Amino acid sequence: MFKKIASTFANCFKIPELKSRIIFTLIILAVCRVISIIPIPGIDGAGLQAFFDAQSKAGGGGLMGMYSMFTGGALERCAIGALGIMPYISATIIIQLLSAVVPRLSKLMREEGGRAKIVQYGRVLTLLLCIGQGLFMTISWSRAEGFFQGFSGDLLMPYMREHMWWYFIQTVIILTTGTMLLMWFGEQITERGIGNGVSLVITIGILARLPMAGQGLVDMFSRTGDEGGFNPFYAIVLLALLVSVIAGVIAITQAQRKVPVQYAQRAVGRKVYQGGTSFMPLRVNYAGVMPVIFASAILMLPAQVFSKAGEFFSMPFLTKLANMLSDRSPLYLVAYGLMILFFSYFWVATQFNELQIADDLKKYGGYIPGVRPGQATSTFLHNAMSRITLAGAVFLTVIAVIPIILTTRMGIPDPVSQFFGGTGMLILVGVMLDTMRQMESHLLMRHYDGFLKKGRIKGRF
């Protein structure tokens, strides 16, 4: 098996076009890592990085820990890429949601050249989000003790009070430039490299935490006495869990229901088009990782608000409620799972337009066997998508809860548990599968074997 994979990777470098795309992608990703390491001038992030390391070892992190994972550690380093690629992703999500509810945007997406305008709108919105988020991050760094709960280090910047205006202007410009540069790099990878550029930028940031996870794993089993509590049995269980999670994520990412579609013979002018049989793939995990991101971000907000309000107004009830909504409580796990289920259906409801699909099938003479065209087809697709979305949402909930349980119940360090499930694992597996699929298409066009035998999985017969 490993010999087959090594041979396939060697074949990738025998194709000049694919070789140049792979090398270009690796160079751009290396530059992205440099952006996440170079600190912003005038800011010392050593104290903040030590604070984040201590929080992750203690099983904390929360939303800031997840954001730091997406930026590849640039947030706690106070690097020029501290905003990461998240403003661009947020802008893309906002545009997609608006296009589902605003008729003008929906019409523009179907027009010729409309998608280019939509992309341009996304870039402008990214710039505005960068300025807003950059200003918020700049203020949080200037008042680190108030924004990062438990941080008691020195000031992150040596600016005098009368020169703080220059600190705000400089930092916002640098943060905005860093994100816009990462966005441009992602687009260049998509166009001239291999794989989805934006997803690869996030993936390389997640993989950058692998050495920290490895060190945490070594520390788990190197401790002795009452401090450790980990024995070789834990290693076997963790290895089996890792294999199971990866296999499950691959299965749910690739899983789809194939709805058969029959096309009738039709005449257009003097030409007669023969009918045929095809299928419509309905993905089980249609929403991808978005429900997990939405649920994590929204659940962290009430806890922060109640905690600050309880301290400011001296109301112990609000502080107790904030503790109940922390990521260590059973209430948090229940609310987290329910919100993932909700956002899975919400994403499908806004992005999967069964009415338009039914109209397109009717326009081109297609129909689902046993289902009447038009409204009946729309109802059938809606019911089918609702059933398979439930399976995908339940799986997402299980995968998202695994790292929290490992950290809070078993005492496994947060950097280690993040590679046994959660958002990071879903992104890693999805991006790797998409990249390998694109590489395989290049190989098959040049008559090379892909990563699978002859490019596909053979059935029993």
Protein backbone atom coordinates (compact mmCIF):
# COMPACT_ATOMS: atom_id res chain seq x y z
CA MET A 1 0.00 0.00 0.00
CA PHE A 2 2.71 2.49 1.03
CA LYS A 3 4.74 1.54 -2.04
CA LYS A 4 1.72 2.29 -4.21
CA ILE A 5 1.22 5.72 -2.59
CA ALA A 6 4.93 6.56 -2.93
CA SER A 7 4.86 5.55 -6.59
CA THR A 8 1.80 7.73 -7.19
CA PHE A 9 3.45 10.76 -5.61
CA ALA A 10 6.54 10.11 -7.74
CA ASN A 11 4.33 10.09 -10.84
CA CYS A 12 3.00 13.52 -9.86
CA PHE A 13 6.46 14.99 -10.46
CA LYS A 14 6.74 13.32 -13.87
CA ILE A 15 4.00 15.58 -15.24
CA PRO A 16 5.47 19.07 -15.84
CA GLU A 17 2.21 20.97 -15.34
CA LEU A 18 1.29 19.12 -12.14
CA LYS A 19 4.86 19.43 -10.85
CA SER A 20 4.85 23.21 -11.34
CA ARG A 21 1.45 23.49 -9.64
CA ILE A 22 2.61 21.49 -6.61
CA ILE A 23 5.84 23.49 -6.24
CA PHE A 24 3.96 26.78 -6.63
CA THR A 25 1.47 25.72 -3.94
CA LEU A 26 4.24 24.71 -1.51
CA ILE A 27 6.08 28.03 -1.99
CA ILE A 28 2.94 30.09 -1.38
CA LEU A 29 2.06 28.07 1.72
CA ALA A 30 5.59 28.61 3.05
CA VAL A 31 5.15 32.37 2.59
CA CYS A 32 1.83 32.14 4.47
CA ARG A 33 3.63 30.54 7.38
CA VAL A 34 6.18 33.36 7.38
CA ILE A 35 3.31 35.88 7.57
CA SER A 36 2.01 34.12 10.69
CA ILE A 37 5.42 34.34 12.40
CA ILE A 38 6.65 37.90 11.72
CA PRO A 39 5.45 40.08 14.65
CA ILE A 40 3.87 43.47 14.18
CA PRO A 41 6.46 46.21 14.81
CA GLY A 42 6.26 47.64 18.30
CA ILE A 43 4.31 44.73 19.85
CA ASP A 44 5.81 42.05 22.07
CA GLY A 45 3.64 38.94 21.95
CA ALA A 46 5.86 36.68 24.07
CA GLY A 47 3.71 37.16 27.19
CA LEU A 48 0.48 36.54 25.28
CA GLN A 49 1.89 33.41 23.64
CA ALA A 50 2.89 32.02 27.04
CA PHE A 51 -0.64 32.78 28.28
CA PHE A 52 -2.24 30.90 25.36
CA ASP A 53 0.11 27.93 25.89
CA ALA A 54 -0.87 27.75 29.55
CA GLN A 55 -4.57 28.00 28.66
CA SER A 56 -4.35 25.17 26.12
CA LYS A 57 -2.51 22.91 28.57
CA ALA A 58 -5.19 23.62 31.17
CA GLY A 59 -7.93 22.59 28.74
CA GLY A 60 -9.17 26.11 28.00
CA GLY A 61 -8.98 28.20 24.91
CA GLY A 62 -12.60 28.50 23.82
CA LEU A 63 -13.34 30.72 20.86
CA MET A 64 -9.95 32.44 21.01
CA GLY A 65 -8.26 29.04 20.99
CA MET A 66 -10.23 28.02 17.91
CA TYR A 67 -9.44 31.32 16.18
CA SER A 68 -5.77 30.87 17.04
CA MET A 69 -5.89 27.40 15.46
CA PHE A 70 -7.25 28.86 12.21
CA THR A 71 -4.49 31.51 12.14
CA GLY A 72 -1.75 28.95 12.77
CA GLY A 73 -0.70 30.57 16.05
CA ALA A 74 -0.41 34.07 14.56
CA LEU A 75 -2.91 35.51 17.05
CA GLU A 76 -0.88 34.89 20.20
CA ARG A 77 2.35 35.88 18.43
CA CYS A 78 0.78 39.26 17.52
CA ALA A 79 1.93 38.57 13.96
CA ILE A 80 0.99 40.47 10.81
CA GLY A 81 -1.29 37.57 9.87
CA ALA A 82 -3.12 37.54 13.21
CA LEU A 83 -6.52 38.05 11.58
CA GLY A 84 -5.85 35.06 9.35
CA ILE A 85 -8.14 34.26 6.44
CA MET A 86 -11.28 34.27 8.61
CA PRO A 87 -12.56 37.74 7.51
CA TYR A 88 -12.58 36.52 3.91
CA ILE A 89 -14.44 33.35 4.90
CA SER A 90 -16.92 35.40 6.93
CA ALA A 91 -17.49 37.72 3.97
CA THR A 92 -18.03 34.75 1.65
CA ILE A 93 -20.56 33.21 4.05
CA ILE A 94 -22.41 36.53 4.39
CA ILE A 95 -22.60 36.95 0.62
CA GLN A 96 -23.87 33.37 0.20
CA LEU A 97 -26.55 33.84 2.84
CA LEU A 98 -27.62 37.17 1.34
CA SER A 99 -27.79 35.66 -2.14
CA ALA A 100 -30.27 33.10 -0.79
CA VAL A 101 -32.64 35.75 0.62
CA VAL A 102 -32.01 38.81 -1.61
CA PRO A 103 -33.57 38.26 -5.08
CA ARG A 104 -31.24 40.76 -6.77
CA LEU A 105 -28.10 38.92 -5.64
CA SER A 106 -29.66 35.57 -6.51
CA LYS A 107 -30.42 36.82 -10.02
CA LEU A 108 -26.92 38.28 -10.35
CA MET A 109 -25.32 34.90 -9.55
CA ARG A 110 -27.20 33.29 -12.47
CA GLU A 111 -26.28 36.00 -14.98
CA GLU A 112 -23.24 35.86 -17.24
CA GLY A 113 -20.38 37.57 -15.46
CA GLY A 114 -22.43 37.84 -12.29
CA ARG A 115 -20.19 35.58 -10.24
CA ALA A 116 -17.22 37.88 -10.93
CA LYS A 117 -19.22 40.77 -9.43
CA ILE A 118 -20.17 38.61 -6.44
CA VAL A 119 -16.48 37.85 -5.87
CA GLN A 120 -15.72 41.57 -6.05
CA TYR A 121 -18.44 42.29 -3.48
CA GLY A 122 -16.84 39.66 -1.25
CA ARG A 123 -13.44 41.35 -1.50
CA VAL A 124 -14.87 44.74 -0.57
CA LEU A 125 -16.74 43.21 2.37
CA THR A 126 -13.53 41.44 3.42
CA LEU A 127 -11.74 44.79 3.53
CA LEU A 128 -14.46 46.30 5.72
CA LEU A 129 -14.45 43.28 8.06
CA CYS A 130 -10.65 43.44 8.30
CA ILE A 131 -10.79 47.08 9.38
CA GLY A 132 -13.47 46.34 12.00
CA GLN A 133 -11.90 43.15 13.36
CA GLY A 134 -8.43 44.69 13.17
CA LEU A 135 -9.55 47.63 15.27
CA PHE A 136 -11.14 45.27 17.82
CA MET A 137 -7.97 43.14 17.98
CA THR A 138 -5.83 46.27 18.31
CA ILE A 139 -7.91 47.45 21.27
CA SER A 140 -7.79 43.98 22.86
CA TRP A 141 -4.00 43.94 22.64
CA SER A 142 -3.79 47.40 24.21
CA ARG A 143 -5.99 46.21 27.10
CA ALA A 144 -4.97 42.56 27.27
CA GLU A 145 -5.80 42.13 30.96
CA GLY A 146 -9.43 43.08 30.32
CA PHE A 147 -9.99 41.06 27.15
CA PHE A 148 -8.01 37.88 27.89
CA GLN A 149 -9.41 36.47 31.13
CA GLY A 150 -6.57 35.35 33.40
CA PHE A 151 -3.86 37.31 31.58
CA SER A 152 -1.72 39.23 34.04
CA GLY A 153 1.39 39.98 32.01
CA ASP A 154 3.01 43.27 31.14
CA LEU A 155 1.81 45.58 28.39
CA LEU A 156 2.14 44.10 24.93
CA MET A 157 3.38 47.35 23.39
CA PRO A 158 5.92 49.92 24.65
CA TYR A 159 4.00 52.93 23.28
CA MET A 160 3.55 56.02 25.42
CA ARG A 161 -0.03 57.15 25.97
CA GLU A 162 0.39 60.22 23.77
CA HIS A 163 1.54 58.04 20.86
CA MET A 164 -1.21 55.41 21.08
CA TRP A 165 -3.01 56.91 18.09
CA TRP A 166 -0.07 55.88 15.90
CA TYR A 167 -0.22 52.36 17.36
CA PHE A 168 -3.90 52.00 16.37
CA ILE A 169 -3.42 53.30 12.82
CA GLN A 170 -0.29 51.25 12.16
CA THR A 171 -1.64 47.99 13.59
CA VAL A 172 -5.01 48.15 11.78
CA ILE A 173 -3.27 48.83 8.45
CA ILE A 174 -0.80 45.96 8.96
CA LEU A 175 -3.50 43.48 10.04
CA THR A 176 -5.71 44.42 7.09
CA THR A 177 -2.82 44.11 4.66
CA GLY A 178 -1.88 40.71 6.06
CA THR A 179 -5.38 39.31 5.58
CA MET A 180 -5.78 40.78 2.09
CA LEU A 181 -2.40 39.26 1.17
CA LEU A 182 -3.50 35.85 2.46
CA MET A 183 -6.74 36.18 0.47
CA TRP A 184 -4.77 36.94 -2.70
CA PHE A 185 -2.42 34.00 -2.02
CA GLY A 186 -5.43 31.70 -1.63
CA GLU A 187 -6.88 32.85 -4.95
CA GLN A 188 -3.52 32.34 -6.66
CA ILE A 189 -3.27 28.78 -5.33
CA THR A 190 -6.78 28.00 -6.61
CA GLU A 191 -5.92 29.41 -10.05
CA ARG A 192 -2.29 28.38 -10.54
CA GLY A 193 -1.70 25.73 -7.89
CA ILE A 194 -3.41 22.56 -6.74
CA GLY A 195 -6.39 22.38 -4.38
CA ASN A 196 -8.61 25.05 -2.89
CA GLY A 197 -6.33 27.90 -1.90
CA VAL A 198 -8.26 29.37 1.03
CA SER A 199 -8.83 25.93 2.54
CA LEU A 200 -5.14 25.09 2.19
CA VAL A 201 -4.17 28.33 3.97
CA ILE A 202 -6.32 27.26 6.93
CA THR A 203 -5.03 23.68 6.76
CA ILE A 204 -1.38 24.70 6.88
CA GLY A 205 -2.15 26.74 9.99
CA ILE A 206 -3.78 23.75 11.66
CA LEU A 207 -0.88 21.47 10.71
CA ALA A 208 1.52 24.01 12.23
CA ARG A 209 0.14 23.01 15.63
CA LEU A 210 1.11 19.37 15.06
CA PRO A 211 4.54 19.72 16.78
CA MET A 212 2.80 21.20 19.83
CA ALA A 213 0.37 18.28 19.83
CA GLY A 214 3.26 15.83 19.53
CA GLN A 215 5.06 17.44 22.45
CA GLY A 216 1.87 17.34 24.49
CA LEU A 217 1.45 13.66 23.68
CA VAL A 218 5.01 12.93 24.81
CA ASP A 219 4.46 14.86 28.03
CA MET A 220 1.28 12.88 28.73
CA PHE A 221 3.11 9.54 28.89
CA SER A 222 6.45 10.78 30.22
CA ARG A 223 5.02 11.97 33.52
CA THR A 224 5.17 9.53 36.40
CA GLY A 225 3.39 9.20 39.69
CA ASP A 226 0.11 10.82 40.55
CA GLU A 227 0.66 13.69 38.09
CA GLY A 228 0.38 11.56 35.01
CA GLY A 229 -2.25 8.90 35.26
CA PHE A 230 -1.70 7.84 31.64
CA ASN A 231 -0.59 4.30 30.86
CA PRO A 232 -0.06 2.35 27.61
CA PHE A 233 -3.74 1.41 27.61
CA TYR A 234 -4.57 5.08 26.99
CA ALA A 235 -2.23 5.07 23.99
CA ILE A 236 -4.05 2.09 22.46
CA VAL A 237 -7.44 3.71 23.05
CA LEU A 238 -6.30 7.03 21.58
CA LEU A 239 -4.82 5.33 18.52
CA ALA A 240 -8.03 3.37 17.91
CA LEU A 241 -10.07 6.55 18.40
CA LEU A 242 -7.89 8.46 15.93
CA VAL A 243 -8.28 5.79 13.24
CA SER A 244 -12.04 5.59 13.84
CA VAL A 245 -12.50 9.37 13.69
CA ILE A 246 -10.49 9.72 10.48
CA ALA A 247 -12.36 6.82 8.85
CA GLY A 248 -15.70 8.28 9.96
CA VAL A 249 -14.87 11.77 8.70
CA ILE A 250 -13.79 10.37 5.32
CA ALA A 251 -16.97 8.31 5.09
CA ILE A 252 -19.32 11.16 6.00
CA THR A 253 -17.45 13.63 3.77
CA GLN A 254 -17.69 11.33 0.76
CA ALA A 255 -21.17 9.98 1.55
CA GLN A 256 -23.97 10.96 -0.81
CA ARG A 257 -27.34 9.72 -1.90
CA LYS A 258 -27.59 9.22 -5.64
CA VAL A 259 -31.06 10.17 -6.85
CA PRO A 260 -31.66 8.69 -10.35
CA VAL A 261 -32.70 11.18 -13.04
CA GLN A 262 -34.18 10.14 -16.40
CA TYR A 263 -34.04 12.49 -19.38
CA ALA A 264 -36.69 12.05 -22.06
CA GLN A 265 -36.00 12.36 -25.77
CA ARG A 266 -36.60 15.94 -26.94
CA ALA A 267 -36.39 17.93 -30.17
CA VAL A 268 -34.81 21.40 -30.36
CA GLY A 269 -35.36 22.79 -33.85
CA ARG A 270 -34.23 20.13 -36.29
CA LYS A 271 -32.03 18.37 -33.79
CA VAL A 272 -33.28 15.45 -31.71
CA TYR A 273 -31.56 14.86 -28.39
CA GLN A 274 -31.64 11.31 -27.10
CA GLY A 275 -32.71 10.67 -23.54
CA GLY A 276 -30.49 9.10 -20.95
CA THR A 277 -30.11 8.19 -17.31
CA SER A 278 -28.03 10.11 -14.82
CA PHE A 279 -28.09 10.71 -11.08
CA MET A 280 -28.21 13.69 -8.75
CA PRO A 281 -25.77 13.46 -5.78
CA LEU A 282 -27.17 14.69 -2.46
CA ARG A 283 -24.36 15.08 0.06
CA VAL A 284 -24.97 13.77 3.55
CA ASN A 285 -22.77 16.46 5.12
CA TYR A 286 -24.01 19.28 2.90
CA ALA A 287 -23.13 22.06 5.37
CA GLY A 288 -19.56 20.90 5.88
CA VAL A 289 -17.87 22.41 8.93
CA MET A 290 -19.95 25.60 9.05
CA PRO A 291 -22.47 24.46 11.74
CA VAL A 292 -19.59 23.71 14.14
CA ILE A 293 -18.04 27.15 13.58
CA PHE A 294 -21.38 28.94 13.99
CA ALA A 295 -22.29 27.03 17.16
CA SER A 296 -18.85 27.59 18.76
CA ALA A 297 -18.84 31.32 18.01
CA ILE A 298 -22.39 31.96 19.20
CA LEU A 299 -22.12 29.91 22.41
CA MET A 300 -18.93 31.69 23.49
CA LEU A 301 -20.60 35.12 23.29
CA PRO A 302 -23.20 34.67 26.11
CA ALA A 303 -20.58 33.25 28.47
CA GLN A 304 -18.29 36.24 27.92
CA VAL A 305 -21.15 38.75 28.25
CA PHE A 306 -22.55 37.20 31.46
CA SER A 307 -19.08 36.93 32.97
CA LYS A 308 -18.23 40.59 32.32
CA ALA A 309 -21.71 41.74 33.41
CA GLY A 310 -21.48 39.72 36.63
CA GLU A 311 -18.14 41.31 37.51
CA PHE A 312 -19.25 44.84 36.58
CA PHE A 313 -22.63 44.79 38.34
CA SER A 314 -21.49 42.48 41.20
CA MET A 315 -24.20 39.95 40.43
CA PRO A 316 -23.09 36.39 41.36
CA PHE A 317 -26.06 34.94 39.47
CA LEU A 318 -24.68 36.13 36.12
CA THR A 319 -21.23 34.80 36.96
CA LYS A 320 -22.74 31.41 37.87
CA LEU A 321 -24.69 31.40 34.60
CA ALA A 322 -21.49 32.16 32.69
CA ASN A 323 -19.79 29.20 34.38
CA MET A 324 -22.73 26.97 33.42
CA LEU A 325 -22.24 27.99 29.78
CA SER A 326 -18.51 27.31 29.83
CA ASP A 327 -17.13 24.52 27.66
CA ARG A 328 -16.67 22.25 30.69
CA SER A 329 -20.34 21.99 31.69
CA PRO A 330 -22.95 19.43 30.58
CA LEU A 331 -25.29 22.32 29.72
CA TYR A 332 -22.73 23.60 27.22
CA LEU A 333 -22.44 20.18 25.55
CA VAL A 334 -26.24 19.87 25.22
CA ALA A 335 -26.62 23.40 23.84
CA TYR A 336 -23.62 22.85 21.54
CA GLY A 337 -25.13 19.70 20.05
CA LEU A 338 -28.57 21.26 19.57
CA MET A 339 -27.09 24.31 17.85
CA ILE A 340 -25.07 22.13 15.48
CA LEU A 341 -28.28 20.32 14.55
CA PHE A 342 -30.07 23.64 14.04
CA PHE A 343 -27.35 25.24 11.90
CA SER A 344 -27.02 22.09 9.78
CA TYR A 345 -30.66 22.43 8.74
CA PHE A 346 -30.37 26.21 8.53
CA TRP A 347 -27.47 25.97 6.08
CA VAL A 348 -29.30 23.42 3.92
CA ALA A 349 -32.45 25.57 3.95
CA THR A 350 -30.56 28.64 2.74
CA GLN A 351 -28.20 26.99 0.24
CA PHE A 352 -30.13 24.01 -1.18
CA ASN A 353 -32.88 25.36 -3.47
CA GLU A 354 -35.07 22.39 -4.31
CA LEU A 355 -37.57 24.59 -6.19
CA GLN A 356 -34.92 25.78 -8.62
CA ILE A 357 -33.57 22.24 -9.08
CA ALA A 358 -37.08 20.94 -9.84
CA ASP A 359 -37.66 23.77 -12.34
CA ASP A 360 -34.33 23.10 -14.07
CA LEU A 361 -35.11 19.39 -14.37
CA LYS A 362 -38.50 20.16 -15.87
CA LYS A 363 -36.99 22.69 -18.28
CA TYR A 364 -34.45 20.20 -19.65
CA GLY A 365 -36.86 17.25 -19.81
CA GLY A 366 -35.55 15.44 -16.74
CA TYR A 367 -37.55 13.68 -14.08
CA ILE A 368 -37.05 11.36 -11.13
CA PRO A 369 -38.57 7.93 -11.86
CA GLY A 370 -41.82 7.53 -9.96
CA VAL A 371 -42.07 11.24 -9.11
CA ARG A 372 -44.10 13.76 -11.09
CA PRO A 373 -42.19 16.82 -12.37
CA GLY A 374 -42.68 20.19 -10.70
CA GLN A 375 -43.96 20.52 -7.13
CA ALA A 376 -43.86 16.76 -6.44
CA THR A 377 -40.16 16.68 -7.39
CA SER A 378 -39.45 19.64 -5.11
CA THR A 379 -41.24 17.93 -2.21
CA PHE A 380 -39.36 14.68 -2.82
CA LEU A 381 -35.97 16.46 -2.81
CA HIS A 382 -36.90 18.40 0.33
CA ASN A 383 -37.86 15.24 2.23
CA ALA A 384 -34.80 13.33 1.02
CA MET A 385 -32.45 16.16 1.99
CA SER A 386 -34.08 16.50 5.42
CA ARG A 387 -33.53 12.82 6.21
CA ILE A 388 -29.89 12.64 5.15
CA THR A 389 -29.11 15.99 6.80
CA LEU A 390 -30.15 14.50 10.14
CA ALA A 391 -27.54 11.76 9.77
CA GLY A 392 -24.85 14.28 8.82
CA ALA A 393 -25.79 16.63 11.67
CA VAL A 394 -25.67 13.85 14.28
CA PHE A 395 -22.25 12.79 13.04
CA LEU A 396 -21.01 16.40 13.14
CA THR A 397 -22.22 16.68 16.72
CA VAL A 398 -20.35 13.54 17.78
CA ILE A 399 -17.13 14.62 16.07
CA ALA A 400 -17.34 18.15 17.53
CA VAL A 401 -17.95 16.92 21.10
CA ILE A 402 -15.10 14.36 21.16
CA PRO A 403 -12.24 16.87 21.78
CA ILE A 404 -14.22 18.60 24.57
CA ILE A 405 -14.85 15.28 26.34
CA LEU A 406 -11.22 14.22 25.96
CA THR A 407 -10.01 17.51 27.45
CA THR A 408 -12.54 18.02 30.25
CA ARG A 409 -13.20 14.41 31.32
CA MET A 410 -9.89 12.65 30.62
CA GLY A 411 -7.47 15.53 31.18
CA ILE A 412 -5.87 15.29 27.74
CA PRO A 413 -4.16 18.56 26.69
CA ASP A 414 -6.17 20.70 24.28
CA PRO A 415 -3.55 20.69 21.44
CA VAL A 416 -3.62 16.87 21.49
CA SER A 417 -7.40 16.46 21.68
CA GLN A 418 -7.96 18.82 18.72
CA PHE A 419 -6.48 16.16 16.41
CA PHE A 420 -9.03 13.57 17.58
CA GLY A 421 -12.04 15.39 16.21
CA GLY A 422 -13.58 18.82 16.06
CA THR A 423 -13.36 21.53 13.45
CA GLY A 424 -9.67 21.01 12.72
CA MET A 425 -10.04 17.32 11.86
CA LEU A 426 -13.04 17.99 9.60
CA ILE A 427 -11.13 20.68 7.70
CA LEU A 428 -7.96 18.61 7.43
CA VAL A 429 -9.66 15.52 6.02
CA GLY A 430 -11.92 17.48 3.67
CA VAL A 431 -9.09 19.55 2.22
CA MET A 432 -6.78 16.56 1.84
CA LEU A 433 -9.47 14.59 -0.01
CA ASP A 434 -10.19 17.51 -2.34
CA THR A 435 -6.49 18.08 -3.08
CA MET A 436 -5.84 14.39 -3.74
CA ARG A 437 -8.89 14.27 -6.01
CA GLN A 438 -7.50 17.11 -8.12
CA MET A 439 -4.06 15.51 -8.29
CA GLU A 440 -5.65 12.22 -9.31
CA SER A 441 -7.55 13.89 -12.16
CA HIS A 442 -4.24 15.17 -13.57
CA LEU A 443 -2.73 11.69 -13.27
CA LEU A 444 -5.63 9.93 -14.98
CA MET A 445 -5.57 12.38 -17.90
CA ARG A 446 -1.94 11.37 -18.52
CA HIS A 447 -2.78 7.65 -18.18
CA TYR A 448 -1.15 7.22 -14.79
CA ASP A 449 -2.76 5.30 -11.95
CA GLY A 450 -4.28 7.45 -9.25
CA PHE A 451 -4.15 7.00 -5.49
CA LEU A 452 -6.84 4.35 -5.89
CA LYS A 453 -6.34 1.42 -8.24
CA LYS A 454 -7.12 2.66 -11.76
CA GLY A 455 -8.59 5.79 -10.22
CA ARG A 456 -11.69 4.21 -8.68
CA ILE A 457 -12.85 1.71 -6.10
CA LYS A 458 -13.98 -1.55 -7.70
CA GLY A 459 -17.06 -3.38 -6.56
CA ARG A 460 -17.14 -6.99 -5.45
CA PHE A 461 -18.09 -8.17 -8.92
